[in-house]
Structures are given as structure tokens and as C-alpha cells.
Amino acid sequence: MRIDPAQHPWMTAPETGAVMAALGEARFVGGAVRNALLGVPVMDVDIAVPMPPQETMARLAARDIKVAPTGIAHGTITAILGNKVFEITTLRRDVETDGRHAVVAFTDDWAEDAARRDFTINALYAAPDGTVFDYATGVTDLIAGRVRFMGAADARIAEDYLRVLRLFRFHAWYGKGEVDADGLRAAAAAKDKLKSLSAERVQKEMLRLLEAGNPAPVLRVMAATGILPELLPGALQLPRLERLAAIEADHLLPRDGVLRLAALLPDGEAAAHAAADALKLSNADRTRLEQALGGAALSWLSARDARALLYRIGAARFRDKVLLEWARGGGNPIQWRMLMTMSETWQRPRFPLTGRDVMRAGVTEGPDVGRLLAQVEDWWIGTDFAADEGALRDRLAEAMKKDRA
């Protein structure tokens, strides 16, 4: 089998050609080959070489290509040329594994390197001219939508317990029909080992799984085998997640892993806190999850009420709330589409008064300034932002007068 480079600009890009020419005997590997065969976009270009990493670096440096020893203990370096990045790894075999880390030895045997990879569909290599090298049943499995481990599933999982999650993630993205039976049995048997993994590695796999076209069927399998409860607490909302995925697809919205996580979790900040802790989400993602799941759920909103809420919580949080409520299954789809459009087009007005204006009106600097300003701003929002600066100053004077009474 052969990939036609003319149909894949990433293969014929000048930067790619320069790196491959500098390396000599080198092949594209893994996801780039898999996705090219499927005709889907290639995001990352990984390259395998049969020479030690020090020689790889020397060959690239000789052609003035910037290199960084990003994982040199495992034979991996990163080449940077122009605005393109290439991860280059020496062929290797596992010498010692403990389910989390591996000690490797370098080799020049392509079949040996293929044998240590996780799935047959990832053990595919391609020469610069597009010739594909398949050391197992990768091409056949890829066409059939089978995600199968290279060799014995339990042995592959024992080498790295993250492969439990990778089985489901890759099936969600590339699989058809049922999850591979041997892989599923091995994954279920190793579910208690997931706690030994770093939360960051688990987070990355889970968010990527959630970004699949429809992750719900795979998540149901994970729940039925007891794997999902090892990762996420609470009664999970799989129907809501499935409806959100359908809404995103129908309206050409991006697949949003964090928002889909919110759809999957029970409502309430407690669930958001627990999930954020379990996955060690970034502060920004934690806050977003808490805001999406916290507070009251949206009910029907008039255009005026929607503008007030948009002003108070911001467009991004408003969109999250709308999509989650839409996915809950209530309301009219026309209403939700209208609110989504409003969030994208509405221009937030600027509140004309500041704390300095309150102090100029005679209020001593301190907490009363913020309190009175907030009262006037609430009144202004209630007028649908129609009151002008003069009316706001009159309202401030009234609030100050009541305050002194």
C-alpha cells in the first residue's frame, strides 16, 4: 500500500523534505500515517529513525535545523524548522516496564520497534515516497475499524496502564462496532491500576476521548466495566453528553472537551470540584467547569433577560450555560439558537459610572462606594441599559439620600 504524497501537503512541505533529507533513512510513523490512510487531517508529524538520538541531532544540526532533546532518555528529540515541529524517535524496544515508566534500549530493527507499540493501527510506518510498512494487521484493522493491541492485550497494558484509557479513546475516534473483546477483558482486569497514573496523563486521555464525534457509546462500556467510576465521581449524565455532541455536530460547533465533561457530570459545584481535583484541571478549566455546573439552570429567557445575564456572566459562560440547558432536552431549539446567536453578536455596554464618581458625589472612600455603585448598576441593568449618565447620577443621589436616612 502507498500514500500519495501529492494529496498530503504535510508530506511535501519544504520543511518536511529538509528534515527527512537530513535524516537519511527515516519514516513517518503512527498517527500521521494512520490519518493519511483514512484521509483525515494530520496534526502532528512523528518520525522514526534507526540511528541513536545523538546521531539524529548531529545530522539535523549539520543542516542548520534546530533541535531540542525533549525526551532523549527514550530516544526522542524535537526538530524545529520554520514554524513546523517534528518529533523524532529512535527505534527502540522495552527492556523494563512497571505500568507507568519504561526503560528502553535502542535498536535498528523496524519490526522490533513496531512490536512494542500499543495498537496495530499505530504500528504503521511510511517512507517519504508514501510506501507503507505494516508489521502486523494495521492497515486491515484500520479499514475495518478494529482497535486491537499489538500482541497480547494484557501484556501491552501491563507495560503502561494508561493504555486502558487509550483503548477507549482510540475506539471512540477510529473504531466501529464493539470494543475489541480481548482488549476489553484486559482493560477491565487492570482498572484498579488507573490510580497509579498521574492525574495529568489521565486528564489528557479523557479530554481527547470526550472530543470524539460521539464518545457516549464508549463511555457506557467504560461505565459497565467499572472503569469510568474509577476516574469520575457521581451519577454521570450520559444522555446529556450525547445530546450535546449531536447539537455540536448539527450546528458545526467545535467539539469542546471541557464543556462535554461538564455535560457528563451531575449539576452542582460539588461535582465540578471533585472532577477538577481528580483530573487536576488547570485553574482556567476548573473555573469554567464550576461556573458551567454551578448556580441555577437556565429557564426560558426573554431577550431582555438574556442581555442582563450576558452582561453579568459574560458571553463565554453564557454560551456554556445555553448549550448545557439545550442538551438537557428542554425548551425550543429555536430559542436556544437565538440565545447562541445573541451571545456571539451582542456588544456589552460600558457602565458609565465609576467609584471615583461616587466619591466625587460625597461618599467617603471605603466599602460604601462599591455597595452604592453596585446598586446603581443593578438598576441600570434593570432598565435594559437604557438609562443615560444623567439618569444614573440622579439614581446615585437617590441611593445616597436613602442611605443617610
Foldseek 3Di string as FASTA:
>chain_A
DFQAVVVPVVLVPPVNVVLCVLQPPKWWFFPVLLCSLVVHDDDATEMEHADQLVVSVVSCVVVVWDKACPPNQQQWIWTDDDNHIYIYGAQWAFDDAAQADTRIDGHNDLLRSLLLDFWQLRSWIADSNGDIDRNDCNVVCQVQQATDTRPQLLVSCRRHVLVLLVQLQSSLARHDDDHPPRNLVSSLVCLVVVVVYDLQSVLVSQLSCQQRLQNLVSVVSCVVSVNVCSQADDDWQSQLLRLLSVVCVVVVHHRGSLLSVLLGFAADQVRLVRNCVSNVDDPVSSVLSNLLRDDDQDDQDDPLRLLLVCLVPNLVSQLSSLSSVVSVPDDDPVRSVVSNVCSVPPDHDDDPDDLVVLVVVPDDPDPVSVVLVVVLVVVCSVVSVPDDPVVSVVSSVVVVVVVVD
